[in-house]
Amino acid sequence: MSNELNQQIDELLKNEIVDRHSYFQLRYFVVGKEPTNQARMWRCLNELRARKENMDSIILEKDNLKDEIELLELEEIGGVGHFGIDSPESEKKKDEIRQRQKNRKLKAMNQALLALDKKMQYVTEEADFFVKAFNSLNKNEKLKPFDDMESQIRYWNEKLAQDLNTKVMVGLPPDSELLKTILALPDNTPVKQAVIQKANAQLPELAEGNE
């Protein structure tokens, strides 16, 4: 690679594009895609758990890398005795090569450490987003247990209603699996009631035969 090209690349890379989801993506396509406030809070917690595991892994990787760097820096080149009949000039040349290899390895390790710092920054930024999103949602509606029946009914009603409406919107009939899932909901679920009413209106003879 020519020095000119290398300089051009370095100059362009000053315009950094962060290596994480944009806040827009996190807001509208991760959290906002969930159909209810409870589901959005559950999603925030799941995403936070994943980010926390990632952060813990980065910390361990950084600690191991720092130890490797420290050990390599303590390693001495030459003066430890060499076997064979190489001349002093040959041994000196070998030591120079080993020193260059050591320097390159140290450089690569330090670059890896910087990359981990940057990765930690991005993961931390995403985690901070989910903490703030959760706290904002929790102000409007307190978090309920994941297996809270009312919350689950509301979630599945909204989710399946969205799936059904999407089919209608693009002019496609609802598939049998979607209808089976809707009909498996408790009887008082609005989307189930709407589907049954629609079926009764279109196929009264079948509805009467199933009573």
N, C-alpha and C. Protein backbone atom coordinates (compact mmCIF):
# COMPACT_ATOMS: atom_id res chain seq x y z
N MET A 1 0.85 -1.20 0.00
CA MET A 1 0.00 0.00 0.00
C MET A 1 0.89 1.25 0.00
N SER A 2 0.58 2.17 -0.89
CA SER A 2 1.39 3.39 -0.97
C SER A 2 1.10 4.30 0.21
N ASN A 3 2.09 5.13 0.54
CA ASN A 3 1.92 6.08 1.64
C ASN A 3 0.78 7.05 1.36
N GLU A 4 0.63 7.44 0.09
CA GLU A 4 -0.44 8.39 -0.27
C GLU A 4 -1.81 7.78 -0.01
N LEU A 5 -1.97 6.52 -0.45
CA LEU A 5 -3.26 5.85 -0.24
C LEU A 5 -3.52 5.66 1.25
N ASN A 6 -2.49 5.29 1.98
CA ASN A 6 -2.63 5.08 3.41
C ASN A 6 -3.07 6.37 4.10
N GLN A 7 -2.51 7.50 3.70
CA GLN A 7 -2.87 8.80 4.28
C GLN A 7 -4.32 9.16 3.94
N GLN A 8 -4.73 8.85 2.69
CA GLN A 8 -6.10 9.14 2.29
C GLN A 8 -7.10 8.32 3.11
N ILE A 9 -6.74 7.06 3.32
CA ILE A 9 -7.61 6.19 4.12
C ILE A 9 -7.72 6.71 5.54
N ASP A 10 -6.58 7.05 6.15
CA ASP A 10 -6.58 7.58 7.52
C ASP A 10 -7.43 8.85 7.62
N GLU A 11 -7.32 9.69 6.59
CA GLU A 11 -8.08 10.95 6.60
C GLU A 11 -9.58 10.68 6.52
N LEU A 12 -9.97 9.75 5.64
CA LEU A 12 -11.39 9.44 5.50
C LEU A 12 -11.95 8.76 6.74
N LEU A 13 -11.14 7.92 7.38
CA LEU A 13 -11.61 7.19 8.56
C LEU A 13 -11.76 8.07 9.79
N LYS A 14 -11.34 9.33 9.68
CA LYS A 14 -11.63 10.27 10.77
C LYS A 14 -13.13 10.52 10.87
N ASN A 15 -13.84 10.32 9.74
CA ASN A 15 -15.30 10.42 9.73
C ASN A 15 -15.86 9.08 10.20
N GLU A 16 -15.85 8.89 11.48
CA GLU A 16 -16.16 7.57 12.04
C GLU A 16 -17.65 7.27 11.98
N ILE A 17 -17.99 6.05 11.53
CA ILE A 17 -19.33 5.50 11.63
C ILE A 17 -19.29 4.49 12.78
N VAL A 18 -20.07 4.73 13.80
CA VAL A 18 -19.99 3.88 15.00
C VAL A 18 -20.42 2.46 14.66
N ASP A 19 -19.77 1.51 15.30
CA ASP A 19 -20.01 0.09 15.05
C ASP A 19 -21.04 -0.44 16.05
N ARG A 20 -22.22 0.11 15.98
CA ARG A 20 -23.34 -0.34 16.83
C ARG A 20 -24.63 0.05 16.13
N HIS A 21 -25.77 -0.38 16.73
CA HIS A 21 -27.06 0.06 16.22
C HIS A 21 -27.21 1.57 16.45
N SER A 22 -27.86 2.23 15.52
CA SER A 22 -28.15 3.64 15.75
C SER A 22 -29.26 3.76 16.80
N TYR A 23 -29.32 4.89 17.46
CA TYR A 23 -30.39 5.10 18.44
C TYR A 23 -31.75 5.04 17.76
N PHE A 24 -31.81 5.44 16.49
CA PHE A 24 -33.05 5.34 15.73
C PHE A 24 -33.49 3.88 15.63
N GLN A 25 -32.54 3.00 15.27
CA GLN A 25 -32.85 1.57 15.17
C GLN A 25 -33.33 1.02 16.50
N LEU A 26 -32.62 1.37 17.56
CA LEU A 26 -32.97 0.84 18.88
C LEU A 26 -34.35 1.31 19.31
N ARG A 27 -34.67 2.57 19.00
CA ARG A 27 -35.95 3.13 19.43
C ARG A 27 -37.12 2.57 18.64
N TYR A 28 -36.98 2.51 17.31
CA TYR A 28 -38.13 2.16 16.48
C TYR A 28 -38.18 0.69 16.06
N PHE A 29 -37.02 0.05 15.88
CA PHE A 29 -37.00 -1.31 15.35
C PHE A 29 -36.72 -2.38 16.41
N VAL A 30 -36.25 -1.98 17.58
CA VAL A 30 -36.00 -2.95 18.65
C VAL A 30 -37.04 -2.80 19.75
N VAL A 31 -37.05 -1.65 20.41
CA VAL A 31 -38.01 -1.43 21.49
C VAL A 31 -39.39 -1.09 20.93
N GLY A 32 -39.44 -0.14 20.00
CA GLY A 32 -40.72 0.34 19.50
C GLY A 32 -41.51 -0.68 18.72
N LYS A 33 -40.86 -1.72 18.24
CA LYS A 33 -41.55 -2.74 17.46
C LYS A 33 -42.44 -3.62 18.34
N GLU A 34 -42.16 -3.64 19.64
CA GLU A 34 -42.98 -4.44 20.54
C GLU A 34 -44.37 -3.80 20.69
N PRO A 35 -45.42 -4.61 20.78
CA PRO A 35 -46.78 -4.08 20.71
C PRO A 35 -47.33 -3.45 21.99
N THR A 36 -46.74 -3.72 23.15
CA THR A 36 -47.26 -3.16 24.40
C THR A 36 -46.12 -2.58 25.23
N ASN A 37 -46.47 -1.74 26.19
CA ASN A 37 -45.46 -1.16 27.08
C ASN A 37 -44.73 -2.22 27.88
N GLN A 38 -45.50 -3.21 28.38
CA GLN A 38 -44.87 -4.29 29.14
C GLN A 38 -43.87 -5.05 28.26
N ALA A 39 -44.24 -5.32 27.03
CA ALA A 39 -43.34 -6.04 26.11
C ALA A 39 -42.10 -5.20 25.81
N ARG A 40 -42.29 -3.88 25.73
CA ARG A 40 -41.14 -3.00 25.48
C ARG A 40 -40.18 -3.03 26.67
N MET A 41 -40.72 -3.06 27.87
CA MET A 41 -39.86 -3.14 29.06
C MET A 41 -39.17 -4.49 29.13
N TRP A 42 -39.91 -5.56 28.82
CA TRP A 42 -39.28 -6.89 28.79
C TRP A 42 -38.15 -6.91 27.77
N ARG A 43 -38.38 -6.28 26.62
CA ARG A 43 -37.34 -6.25 25.58
C ARG A 43 -36.12 -5.48 26.07
N CYS A 44 -36.35 -4.36 26.75
CA CYS A 44 -35.23 -3.59 27.30
C CYS A 44 -34.39 -4.44 28.24
N LEU A 45 -35.05 -5.20 29.10
CA LEU A 45 -34.33 -6.03 30.07
C LEU A 45 -33.56 -7.14 29.37
N ASN A 46 -34.16 -7.77 28.37
CA ASN A 46 -33.45 -8.81 27.61
C ASN A 46 -32.23 -8.25 26.90
N GLU A 47 -32.40 -7.06 26.29
CA GLU A 47 -31.28 -6.43 25.59
C GLU A 47 -30.19 -6.03 26.58
N LEU A 48 -30.59 -5.55 27.74
CA LEU A 48 -29.61 -5.16 28.77
C LEU A 48 -28.82 -6.37 29.27
N ARG A 49 -29.52 -7.49 29.42
CA ARG A 49 -28.83 -8.71 29.86
C ARG A 49 -27.76 -9.10 28.84
N ALA A 50 -28.11 -9.03 27.56
CA ALA A 50 -27.14 -9.37 26.52
C ALA A 50 -25.96 -8.40 26.52
N ARG A 51 -26.25 -7.10 26.70
CA ARG A 51 -25.16 -6.11 26.72
C ARG A 51 -24.27 -6.32 27.94
N LYS A 52 -24.87 -6.66 29.09
CA LYS A 52 -24.09 -6.87 30.32
C LYS A 52 -23.15 -8.07 30.13
N GLU A 53 -23.64 -9.14 29.54
CA GLU A 53 -22.78 -10.30 29.28
C GLU A 53 -21.66 -9.93 28.33
N ASN A 54 -21.96 -9.12 27.34
CA ASN A 54 -20.95 -8.66 26.39
C ASN A 54 -19.88 -7.82 27.09
N MET A 55 -20.33 -6.91 27.96
CA MET A 55 -19.40 -6.05 28.69
C MET A 55 -18.50 -6.86 29.61
N ASP A 56 -19.07 -7.84 30.30
CA ASP A 56 -18.26 -8.71 31.19
C ASP A 56 -17.22 -9.47 30.38
N SER A 57 -17.61 -9.94 29.19
CA SER A 57 -16.68 -10.67 28.33
C SER A 57 -15.55 -9.77 27.85
N ILE A 58 -15.87 -8.52 27.51
CA ILE A 58 -14.85 -7.57 27.06
C ILE A 58 -13.85 -7.28 28.18
N ILE A 59 -14.36 -7.13 29.40
CA ILE A 59 -13.48 -6.86 30.54
C ILE A 59 -12.49 -8.01 30.74
N LEU A 60 -12.98 -9.25 30.66
CA LEU A 60 -12.09 -10.40 30.82
C LEU A 60 -11.05 -10.45 29.69
N GLU A 61 -11.49 -10.17 28.47
CA GLU A 61 -10.58 -10.18 27.32
C GLU A 61 -9.51 -9.10 27.46
N LYS A 62 -9.92 -7.93 27.93
CA LYS A 62 -8.96 -6.84 28.14
C LYS A 62 -7.94 -7.20 29.22
N ASP A 63 -8.42 -7.78 30.31
CA ASP A 63 -7.51 -8.15 31.40
C ASP A 63 -6.48 -9.18 30.93
N ASN A 64 -6.94 -10.17 30.16
CA ASN A 64 -6.02 -11.18 29.65
C ASN A 64 -5.00 -10.55 28.70
N LEU A 65 -5.45 -9.64 27.86
CA LEU A 65 -4.57 -9.00 26.89
C LEU A 65 -3.54 -8.11 27.60
N LYS A 66 -3.96 -7.41 28.63
CA LYS A 66 -3.02 -6.58 29.40
C LYS A 66 -1.93 -7.43 30.04
N ASP A 67 -2.31 -8.61 30.55
CA ASP A 67 -1.32 -9.51 31.14
C ASP A 67 -0.33 -10.01 30.08
N GLU A 68 -0.85 -10.34 28.90
CA GLU A 68 0.02 -10.79 27.82
C GLU A 68 1.00 -9.69 27.40
N ILE A 69 0.51 -8.47 27.33
CA ILE A 69 1.37 -7.34 26.97
C ILE A 69 2.46 -7.15 28.02
N GLU A 70 2.07 -7.23 29.29
CA GLU A 70 3.05 -7.03 30.38
C GLU A 70 4.11 -8.12 30.35
N LEU A 71 3.70 -9.36 30.12
CA LEU A 71 4.67 -10.45 30.05
C LEU A 71 5.61 -10.28 28.87
N LEU A 72 5.07 -9.87 27.73
CA LEU A 72 5.90 -9.69 26.53
C LEU A 72 6.89 -8.54 26.73
N GLU A 73 6.47 -7.49 27.38
CA GLU A 73 7.36 -6.35 27.63
C GLU A 73 8.50 -6.74 28.57
N LEU A 74 8.26 -7.71 29.45
CA LEU A 74 9.30 -8.17 30.38
C LEU A 74 10.28 -9.15 29.72
N GLU A 75 9.88 -9.68 28.57
CA GLU A 75 10.73 -10.65 27.88
C GLU A 75 11.99 -9.97 27.34
N GLU A 76 13.13 -10.58 27.61
CA GLU A 76 14.40 -10.02 27.16
C GLU A 76 14.84 -10.68 25.86
N ILE A 77 15.39 -9.85 24.99
CA ILE A 77 15.93 -10.37 23.74
C ILE A 77 17.45 -10.41 23.85
N GLY A 78 18.03 -11.59 23.65
CA GLY A 78 19.49 -11.72 23.75
C GLY A 78 19.93 -11.88 25.19
N GLY A 79 21.18 -12.27 25.36
CA GLY A 79 21.75 -12.38 26.70
C GLY A 79 21.25 -13.57 27.48
N VAL A 80 20.54 -14.49 26.82
CA VAL A 80 20.02 -15.65 27.53
C VAL A 80 20.73 -16.93 27.10
N GLY A 81 21.71 -16.79 26.21
CA GLY A 81 22.47 -17.95 25.77
C GLY A 81 21.81 -18.63 24.59
N HIS A 82 22.57 -18.93 23.56
CA HIS A 82 22.07 -19.60 22.37
C HIS A 82 22.92 -20.82 22.10
N PHE A 83 22.27 -21.86 21.70
CA PHE A 83 23.00 -23.09 21.39
C PHE A 83 23.44 -23.08 19.92
N GLY A 84 24.42 -23.88 19.59
CA GLY A 84 24.89 -23.93 18.21
C GLY A 84 26.19 -23.16 18.05
N ILE A 85 26.59 -22.99 16.80
CA ILE A 85 27.89 -22.38 16.52
C ILE A 85 27.74 -21.09 15.72
N ASP A 86 26.59 -20.43 15.85
CA ASP A 86 26.40 -19.18 15.13
C ASP A 86 27.40 -18.14 15.60
N SER A 87 27.84 -17.31 14.69
CA SER A 87 28.79 -16.25 15.00
C SER A 87 28.09 -15.17 15.83
N PRO A 88 28.86 -14.33 16.54
CA PRO A 88 28.26 -13.22 17.29
C PRO A 88 27.43 -12.30 16.39
N GLU A 89 27.92 -12.09 15.14
CA GLU A 89 27.17 -11.24 14.23
C GLU A 89 25.82 -11.86 13.88
N SER A 90 25.82 -13.19 13.70
CA SER A 90 24.58 -13.90 13.38
C SER A 90 23.60 -13.83 14.55
N GLU A 91 24.14 -14.01 15.76
CA GLU A 91 23.28 -13.94 16.95
C GLU A 91 22.70 -12.54 17.12
N LYS A 92 23.53 -11.54 16.84
CA LYS A 92 23.07 -10.16 16.95
C LYS A 92 21.94 -9.90 15.97
N LYS A 93 22.10 -10.44 14.74
CA LYS A 93 21.08 -10.26 13.72
C LYS A 93 19.78 -10.95 14.14
N LYS A 94 19.91 -12.14 14.70
CA LYS A 94 18.72 -12.86 15.16
C LYS A 94 18.02 -12.08 16.28
N ASP A 95 18.79 -11.49 17.17
CA ASP A 95 18.20 -10.71 18.26
C ASP A 95 17.45 -9.49 17.71
N GLU A 96 18.02 -8.90 16.68
CA GLU A 96 17.35 -7.75 16.06
C GLU A 96 16.00 -8.16 15.45
N ILE A 97 16.02 -9.32 14.79
CA ILE A 97 14.78 -9.83 14.19
C ILE A 97 13.75 -10.15 15.27
N ARG A 98 14.21 -10.79 16.33
CA ARG A 98 13.30 -11.13 17.43
C ARG A 98 12.72 -9.86 18.06
N GLN A 99 13.55 -8.82 18.17
CA GLN A 99 13.08 -7.57 18.74
C GLN A 99 12.00 -6.94 17.85
N ARG A 100 12.22 -6.99 16.53
CA ARG A 100 11.21 -6.45 15.61
C ARG A 100 9.91 -7.25 15.71
N GLN A 101 10.04 -8.58 15.82
CA GLN A 101 8.84 -9.42 15.97
C GLN A 101 8.10 -9.08 17.27
N LYS A 102 8.89 -8.88 18.31
CA LYS A 102 8.29 -8.53 19.60
C LYS A 102 7.58 -7.18 19.49
N ASN A 103 8.20 -6.22 18.84
CA ASN A 103 7.59 -4.89 18.69
C ASN A 103 6.29 -4.96 17.89
N ARG A 104 6.31 -5.78 16.82
CA ARG A 104 5.09 -5.91 16.02
C ARG A 104 3.98 -6.58 16.82
N LYS A 105 4.36 -7.57 17.60
CA LYS A 105 3.36 -8.27 18.42
C LYS A 105 2.78 -7.33 19.47
N LEU A 106 3.66 -6.52 20.08
CA LEU A 106 3.18 -5.54 21.06
C LEU A 106 2.25 -4.52 20.42
N LYS A 107 2.62 -4.09 19.22
CA LYS A 107 1.78 -3.13 18.51
C LYS A 107 0.41 -3.71 18.22
N ALA A 108 0.39 -4.98 17.77
CA ALA A 108 -0.89 -5.64 17.47
C ALA A 108 -1.72 -5.80 18.72
N MET A 109 -1.07 -6.14 19.83
CA MET A 109 -1.80 -6.31 21.09
C MET A 109 -2.38 -4.99 21.57
N ASN A 110 -1.61 -3.93 21.46
CA ASN A 110 -2.11 -2.62 21.89
C ASN A 110 -3.24 -2.13 20.99
N GLN A 111 -3.15 -2.44 19.70
CA GLN A 111 -4.25 -2.10 18.80
C GLN A 111 -5.50 -2.89 19.15
N ALA A 112 -5.32 -4.16 19.51
CA ALA A 112 -6.45 -4.99 19.93
C ALA A 112 -7.08 -4.44 21.20
N LEU A 113 -6.22 -3.93 22.10
CA LEU A 113 -6.72 -3.34 23.35
C LEU A 113 -7.54 -2.09 23.06
N LEU A 114 -7.07 -1.27 22.12
CA LEU A 114 -7.82 -0.08 21.73
C LEU A 114 -9.16 -0.45 21.09
N ALA A 115 -9.14 -1.53 20.29
CA ALA A 115 -10.38 -1.99 19.65
C ALA A 115 -11.38 -2.46 20.71
N LEU A 116 -10.89 -3.10 21.75
CA LEU A 116 -11.77 -3.54 22.84
C LEU A 116 -12.35 -2.34 23.59
N ASP A 117 -11.52 -1.32 23.78
CA ASP A 117 -12.02 -0.09 24.43
C ASP A 117 -13.15 0.53 23.61
N LYS A 118 -12.97 0.55 22.29
CA LYS A 118 -13.99 1.12 21.42
C LYS A 118 -15.26 0.26 21.45
N LYS A 119 -15.06 -1.06 21.45
CA LYS A 119 -16.21 -1.97 21.52
C LYS A 119 -16.97 -1.77 22.82
N MET A 120 -16.23 -1.61 23.91
CA MET A 120 -16.86 -1.36 25.21
C MET A 120 -17.65 -0.06 25.18
N GLN A 121 -17.12 0.95 24.52
CA GLN A 121 -17.81 2.23 24.41
C GLN A 121 -19.16 2.06 23.71
N TYR A 122 -19.15 1.32 22.60
CA TYR A 122 -20.38 1.14 21.84
C TYR A 122 -21.41 0.32 22.63
N VAL A 123 -20.94 -0.75 23.27
CA VAL A 123 -21.87 -1.57 24.06
C VAL A 123 -22.44 -0.76 25.23
N THR A 124 -21.59 0.05 25.84
CA THR A 124 -22.04 0.90 26.95
C THR A 124 -23.08 1.90 26.48
N GLU A 125 -22.88 2.47 25.30
CA GLU A 125 -23.85 3.44 24.76
C GLU A 125 -25.20 2.77 24.53
N GLU A 126 -25.19 1.55 23.99
CA GLU A 126 -26.45 0.84 23.78
C GLU A 126 -27.10 0.50 25.12
N ALA A 127 -26.29 0.05 26.08
CA ALA A 127 -26.84 -0.29 27.40
C ALA A 127 -27.46 0.94 28.05
N ASP A 128 -26.80 2.09 27.92
CA ASP A 128 -27.33 3.33 28.47
C ASP A 128 -28.67 3.68 27.83
N PHE A 129 -28.78 3.44 26.53
CA PHE A 129 -30.06 3.70 25.83
C PHE A 129 -31.17 2.85 26.44
N PHE A 130 -30.91 1.54 26.64
CA PHE A 130 -31.94 0.65 27.15
C PHE A 130 -32.31 0.97 28.60
N VAL A 131 -31.34 1.39 29.39
CA VAL A 131 -31.65 1.81 30.77
C VAL A 131 -32.60 3.00 30.76
N LYS A 132 -32.29 4.00 29.94
CA LYS A 132 -33.14 5.19 29.87
C LYS A 132 -34.51 4.87 29.29
N ALA A 133 -34.55 4.01 28.28
CA ALA A 133 -35.83 3.62 27.68
C ALA A 133 -36.69 2.88 28.69
N PHE A 134 -36.07 1.97 29.44
CA PHE A 134 -36.83 1.23 30.46
C PHE A 134 -37.38 2.17 31.52
N ASN A 135 -36.54 3.06 32.03
CA ASN A 135 -36.98 3.98 33.09
C ASN A 135 -38.11 4.88 32.60
N SER A 136 -38.05 5.30 31.34
CA SER A 136 -39.11 6.14 30.78
C SER A 136 -40.42 5.37 30.69
N LEU A 137 -40.35 4.14 30.20
CA LEU A 137 -41.55 3.31 30.09
C LEU A 137 -42.11 2.96 31.46
N ASN A 138 -41.22 2.71 32.40
CA ASN A 138 -41.64 2.29 33.74
C ASN A 138 -42.33 3.42 34.51
N LYS A 139 -42.07 4.66 34.11
CA LYS A 139 -42.77 5.79 34.74
C LYS A 139 -44.25 5.79 34.38
N ASN A 140 -44.54 5.40 33.14
CA ASN A 140 -45.92 5.39 32.66
C ASN A 140 -46.68 4.15 33.09
N GLU A 141 -45.96 3.04 33.22
CA GLU A 141 -46.62 1.78 33.57
C GLU A 141 -45.60 0.89 34.26
N LYS A 142 -45.85 0.55 35.50
CA LYS A 142 -44.88 -0.23 36.27
C LYS A 142 -44.71 -1.63 35.67
N LEU A 143 -43.48 -2.10 35.74
CA LEU A 143 -43.16 -3.41 35.21
C LEU A 143 -43.92 -4.49 35.96
N LYS A 144 -44.49 -5.43 35.18
CA LYS A 144 -45.18 -6.58 35.76
C LYS A 144 -44.38 -7.84 35.46
N PRO A 145 -44.61 -8.90 36.24
CA PRO A 145 -43.89 -10.15 35.98
C PRO A 145 -44.16 -10.65 34.56
N PHE A 146 -43.20 -11.35 34.00
CA PHE A 146 -43.31 -11.82 32.63
C PHE A 146 -44.53 -12.72 32.44
N ASP A 147 -44.87 -13.51 33.46
CA ASP A 147 -45.99 -14.44 33.35
C ASP A 147 -47.30 -13.86 33.86
N ASP A 148 -47.35 -12.55 34.08
CA ASP A 148 -48.62 -11.91 34.45
C ASP A 148 -49.65 -12.17 33.35
N MET A 149 -50.77 -12.79 33.72
CA MET A 149 -51.75 -13.23 32.73
C MET A 149 -52.31 -12.06 31.92
N GLU A 150 -52.67 -10.99 32.59
CA GLU A 150 -53.24 -9.83 31.89
C GLU A 150 -52.25 -9.26 30.88
N SER A 151 -50.99 -9.16 31.28
CA SER A 151 -49.97 -8.61 30.38
C SER A 151 -49.74 -9.53 29.18
N GLN A 152 -49.75 -10.84 29.42
CA GLN A 152 -49.54 -11.79 28.33
C GLN A 152 -50.71 -11.76 27.34
N ILE A 153 -51.94 -11.68 27.87
CA ILE A 153 -53.10 -11.61 26.98
C ILE A 153 -53.04 -10.35 26.14
N ARG A 154 -52.70 -9.25 26.80
CA ARG A 154 -52.61 -7.99 26.06
C ARG A 154 -51.52 -8.04 24.99
N TYR A 155 -50.40 -8.62 25.35
CA TYR A 155 -49.29 -8.73 24.40
C TYR A 155 -49.70 -9.55 23.18
N TRP A 156 -50.22 -10.75 23.42
CA TRP A 156 -50.54 -11.63 22.30
C TRP A 156 -51.72 -11.10 21.49
N ASN A 157 -52.65 -10.45 22.15
CA ASN A 157 -53.75 -9.84 21.41
C ASN A 157 -53.22 -8.78 20.44
N GLU A 158 -52.36 -7.89 20.94
CA GLU A 158 -51.82 -6.83 20.09
C GLU A 158 -50.91 -7.38 19.00
N LYS A 159 -50.07 -8.35 19.36
CA LYS A 159 -49.13 -8.91 18.38
C LYS A 159 -49.87 -9.62 17.25
N LEU A 160 -50.83 -10.48 17.61
CA LEU A 160 -51.54 -11.24 16.59
C LEU A 160 -52.48 -10.35 15.79
N ALA A 161 -53.02 -9.32 16.42
CA ALA A 161 -53.86 -8.36 15.69
C ALA A 161 -53.01 -7.62 14.66
N GLN A 162 -51.79 -7.26 15.03
CA GLN A 162 -50.88 -6.60 14.07
C GLN A 162 -50.56 -7.54 12.91
N ASP A 163 -50.28 -8.81 13.22
CA ASP A 163 -49.97 -9.77 12.15
C ASP A 163 -51.16 -9.93 11.22
N LEU A 164 -52.35 -9.99 11.80
CA LEU A 164 -53.56 -10.14 10.99
C LEU A 164 -53.81 -8.91 10.13
N ASN A 165 -53.66 -7.74 10.73
CA ASN A 165 -53.88 -6.49 9.98
C ASN A 165 -52.86 -6.29 8.87
N THR A 166 -51.64 -6.77 9.09
CA THR A 166 -50.60 -6.68 8.06
C THR A 166 -50.99 -7.51 6.85
N LYS A 167 -51.51 -8.71 7.11
CA LYS A 167 -51.97 -9.56 6.01
C LYS A 167 -53.06 -8.85 5.21
N VAL A 168 -54.03 -8.29 5.94
CA VAL A 168 -55.14 -7.60 5.28
C VAL A 168 -54.64 -6.41 4.48
N MET A 169 -53.68 -5.70 5.05
CA MET A 169 -53.17 -4.48 4.43
C MET A 169 -52.53 -4.75 3.07
N VAL A 170 -51.87 -5.90 2.93
CA VAL A 170 -51.21 -6.22 1.67
C VAL A 170 -52.07 -7.13 0.79
N GLY A 171 -53.31 -7.32 1.19
CA GLY A 171 -54.25 -8.07 0.37
C GLY A 171 -54.07 -9.57 0.41
N LEU A 172 -53.48 -10.09 1.48
CA LEU A 172 -53.29 -11.53 1.60
C LEU A 172 -54.25 -12.11 2.62
N PRO A 173 -54.76 -13.32 2.39
CA PRO A 173 -55.61 -13.95 3.40
C PRO A 173 -54.77 -14.43 4.57
N PRO A 174 -55.30 -14.43 5.78
CA PRO A 174 -54.52 -14.94 6.92
C PRO A 174 -54.27 -16.43 6.76
N ASP A 175 -53.05 -16.87 7.04
CA ASP A 175 -52.73 -18.29 6.90
C ASP A 175 -53.34 -19.08 8.06
N SER A 176 -53.42 -20.38 7.87
CA SER A 176 -54.09 -21.23 8.86
C SER A 176 -53.38 -21.22 10.20
N GLU A 177 -52.04 -21.14 10.20
CA GLU A 177 -51.31 -21.14 11.48
C GLU A 177 -51.63 -19.90 12.30
N LEU A 178 -51.71 -18.76 11.63
CA LEU A 178 -52.06 -17.53 12.33
C LEU A 178 -53.46 -17.63 12.92
N LEU A 179 -54.41 -18.15 12.15
CA LEU A 179 -55.78 -18.29 12.64
C LEU A 179 -55.85 -19.29 13.80
N LYS A 180 -55.11 -20.38 13.68
CA LYS A 180 -55.09 -21.37 14.77
C LYS A 180 -54.55 -20.75 16.06
N THR A 181 -53.49 -19.94 15.91
CA THR A 181 -52.91 -19.29 17.10
C THR A 181 -53.90 -18.32 17.73
N ILE A 182 -54.58 -17.56 16.90
CA ILE A 182 -55.57 -16.60 17.41
C ILE A 182 -56.69 -17.34 18.12
N LEU A 183 -57.17 -18.43 17.52
CA LEU A 183 -58.28 -19.18 18.11
C LEU A 183 -57.88 -19.93 19.38
N ALA A 184 -56.56 -20.08 19.61
CA ALA A 184 -56.09 -20.72 20.84
C ALA A 184 -56.07 -19.76 22.02
N LEU A 185 -56.27 -18.46 21.75
CA LEU A 185 -56.28 -17.47 22.82
C LEU A 185 -57.51 -17.62 23.70
N PRO A 186 -57.46 -17.07 24.92
CA PRO A 186 -58.67 -17.08 25.76
C PRO A 186 -59.85 -16.42 25.04
N ASP A 187 -61.06 -16.87 25.39
CA ASP A 187 -62.25 -16.43 24.67
C ASP A 187 -62.50 -14.93 24.74
N ASN A 188 -62.05 -14.29 25.81
CA ASN A 188 -62.33 -12.85 25.97
C ASN A 188 -61.30 -11.95 25.27
N THR A 189 -60.39 -12.56 24.49
CA THR A 189 -59.38 -11.77 23.79
C THR A 189 -60.01 -11.08 22.58
N PRO A 190 -59.90 -9.76 22.46
CA PRO A 190 -60.57 -9.02 21.38
C PRO A 190 -60.29 -9.55 19.98
N VAL A 191 -59.03 -9.90 19.68
CA VAL A 191 -58.72 -10.35 18.32
C VAL A 191 -59.40 -11.68 18.02
N LYS A 192 -59.52 -12.54 19.02
CA LYS A 192 -60.21 -13.81 18.81
C LYS A 192 -61.69 -13.57 18.58
N GLN A 193 -62.28 -12.69 19.37
CA GLN A 193 -63.69 -12.37 19.19
C GLN A 193 -63.95 -11.78 17.81
N ALA A 194 -63.04 -10.92 17.34
CA ALA A 194 -63.20 -10.30 16.02
C ALA A 194 -63.13 -11.34 14.91
N VAL A 195 -62.21 -12.30 15.03
CA VAL A 195 -62.07 -13.34 14.01
C VAL A 195 -63.32 -14.23 13.99
N ILE A 196 -63.81 -14.58 15.17
CA ILE A 196 -65.00 -15.43 15.23
C ILE A 196 -66.21 -14.70 14.66
N GLN A 197 -66.36 -13.41 14.98
CA GLN A 197 -67.46 -12.62 14.43
C GLN A 197 -67.38 -12.54 12.91
N LYS A 198 -66.16 -12.38 12.39
CA LYS A 198 -65.97 -12.32 10.95
C LYS A 198 -66.33 -13.65 10.30
N ALA A 199 -65.92 -14.74 10.95
CA ALA A 199 -66.22 -16.07 10.42
C ALA A 199 -67.72 -16.33 10.45
N ASN A 200 -68.39 -15.94 11.53
CA ASN A 200 -69.83 -16.13 11.64
C ASN A 200 -70.58 -15.34 10.58
N ALA A 201 -70.09 -14.15 10.26
CA ALA A 201 -70.75 -13.32 9.26
C ALA A 201 -70.57 -13.88 7.86
N GLN A 202 -69.42 -14.49 7.59
CA GLN A 202 -69.13 -14.98 6.25
C GLN A 202 -69.62 -16.40 6.04
N LEU A 203 -69.55 -17.22 7.08
CA LEU A 203 -69.91 -18.62 6.94
C LEU A 203 -70.89 -19.04 8.04
N PRO A 204 -72.12 -18.50 7.99
CA PRO A 204 -73.07 -18.79 9.06
C PRO A 204 -73.41 -20.27 9.17
N GLU A 205 -73.43 -20.98 8.04
CA GLU A 205 -73.79 -22.40 8.10
C GLU A 205 -72.73 -23.22 8.80
N LEU A 206 -71.44 -22.87 8.60
CA LEU A 206 -70.37 -23.58 9.28
C LEU A 206 -70.36 -23.24 10.77
N ALA A 207 -70.61 -21.97 11.07
CA ALA A 207 -70.63 -21.56 12.47
C ALA A 207 -71.73 -22.28 13.22
N GLU A 208 -72.90 -22.45 12.58
CA GLU A 208 -74.01 -23.15 13.24
C GLU A 208 -73.68 -24.62 13.42
N GLY A 209 -72.97 -25.19 12.45
CA GLY A 209 -72.63 -26.60 12.55
C GLY A 209 -71.62 -26.89 13.63
N ASN A 210 -70.85 -25.87 14.03
CA ASN A 210 -69.83 -26.07 15.08
C ASN A 210 -70.36 -25.80 16.47
N GLU A 211 -71.58 -25.33 16.57
CA GLU A 211 -72.12 -25.01 17.91
C GLU A 211 -72.49 -26.29 18.65
